[in-house]
Amino acid sequence: SKFDKDPSRTKTFTGNHFKNKEPWEVSISHERFMGPEIFFTPEIIKSPAVPLPQVVDKCIMNCPIDYRRRLYSNIVLAGGT
């Protein structure tokens, strides 16, 4: 992927385990961009999951009709491609 080719996009986190004080290291590159994508496009991980916007819509439609307009007006779903 394009993120793997650019080492400046990789972040490395290090630390020590709080109980046994063993050192640990985690490198994250394109995963930090792909994680939130799963909520909007679950088929990228070949999962039968329902996309987040559909889940939110179904939840609101199960609420009393008097609350729906207010609930819809307070939602911000950002992301996805």
Protein backbone atom coordinates (compact mmCIF):
# COMPACT_ATOMS: atom_id res chain seq x y z
CA SER A 1 0.00 0.00 0.00
CA LYS A 2 1.08 3.62 -0.42
CA PHE A 3 1.43 4.05 3.36
CA ASP A 4 3.85 1.13 3.70
CA LYS A 5 6.26 2.66 1.18
CA ASP A 6 6.67 5.93 3.08
CA PRO A 7 8.52 5.34 6.38
CA SER A 8 7.66 8.84 7.60
CA ARG A 9 4.03 7.72 7.95
CA THR A 10 4.97 4.99 10.43
CA LYS A 11 4.81 5.78 14.14
CA THR A 12 6.61 3.71 16.74
CA PHE A 13 5.49 3.66 20.36
CA THR A 14 7.64 2.20 23.12
CA GLY A 15 7.25 1.69 26.82
CA ASN A 16 7.55 -0.69 29.71
CA HIS A 17 4.87 -3.05 30.98
CA PHE A 18 3.48 -1.62 34.21
CA LYS A 19 3.58 -4.92 36.12
CA ASN A 20 6.70 -6.78 35.03
CA LYS A 21 8.61 -3.80 33.55
CA GLU A 22 9.35 -5.65 30.31
CA PRO A 23 9.97 -3.28 27.39
CA TRP A 24 7.51 -3.26 24.48
CA GLU A 25 7.38 -1.61 21.07
CA VAL A 26 4.51 -1.14 18.60
CA SER A 27 4.86 0.20 15.05
CA ILE A 28 1.73 1.49 13.35
CA SER A 29 1.51 2.59 9.74
CA HIS A 30 -1.52 2.25 7.47
CA GLU A 31 -3.51 0.51 10.22
CA ARG A 32 -4.27 3.84 11.86
CA PHE A 33 -6.09 4.91 8.71
CA MET A 34 -7.84 1.61 8.06
CA GLY A 35 -9.23 1.11 11.58
CA PRO A 36 -12.03 3.68 11.35
CA GLU A 37 -12.80 2.64 7.76
CA ILE A 38 -14.24 -0.65 9.03
CA PHE A 39 -17.17 1.20 10.61
CA PHE A 40 -18.18 2.71 7.29
CA THR A 41 -17.07 -0.04 4.89
CA PRO A 42 -17.11 -3.41 6.72
CA GLU A 43 -16.69 -5.37 3.49
CA ILE A 44 -12.98 -4.44 3.41
CA ILE A 45 -12.42 -7.09 6.08
CA LYS A 46 -14.88 -9.49 4.43
CA SER A 47 -17.25 -9.24 7.36
CA PRO A 48 -21.02 -9.56 7.20
CA ALA A 49 -21.29 -6.58 9.57
CA VAL A 50 -23.72 -3.74 8.90
CA PRO A 51 -22.19 -0.29 8.19
CA LEU A 52 -22.38 2.19 11.07
CA PRO A 53 -24.75 4.66 9.33
CA GLN A 54 -27.30 1.88 8.87
CA VAL A 55 -26.99 0.83 12.52
CA VAL A 56 -27.55 4.41 13.69
CA ASP A 57 -30.56 4.81 11.39
CA LYS A 58 -32.13 1.58 12.62
CA CYS A 59 -31.64 2.60 16.26
CA ILE A 60 -33.26 5.97 15.71
CA MET A 61 -36.16 4.42 13.81
CA ASN A 62 -36.82 2.23 16.89
CA CYS A 63 -37.21 5.35 19.06
CA PRO A 64 -40.52 7.17 19.58
CA ILE A 65 -41.39 9.37 16.63
CA ASP A 66 -41.28 12.54 18.77
CA TYR A 67 -37.53 12.08 19.42
CA ARG A 68 -36.35 11.15 15.94
CA ARG A 69 -35.95 14.66 14.54
CA ARG A 70 -33.79 15.72 17.50
CA LEU A 71 -31.72 12.56 17.34
CA TYR A 72 -31.07 12.93 13.59
CA SER A 73 -30.11 16.59 14.02
CA ASN A 74 -27.40 15.73 16.55
CA ILE A 75 -25.48 13.13 14.53
CA VAL A 76 -22.14 13.69 12.87
CA LEU A 77 -20.65 10.69 11.08
CA ALA A 78 -17.41 11.69 9.43
CA GLY A 79 -15.04 9.52 7.48
CA GLY A 80 -15.33 6.74 5.00
CA THR A 81 -14.44 6.80 1.36
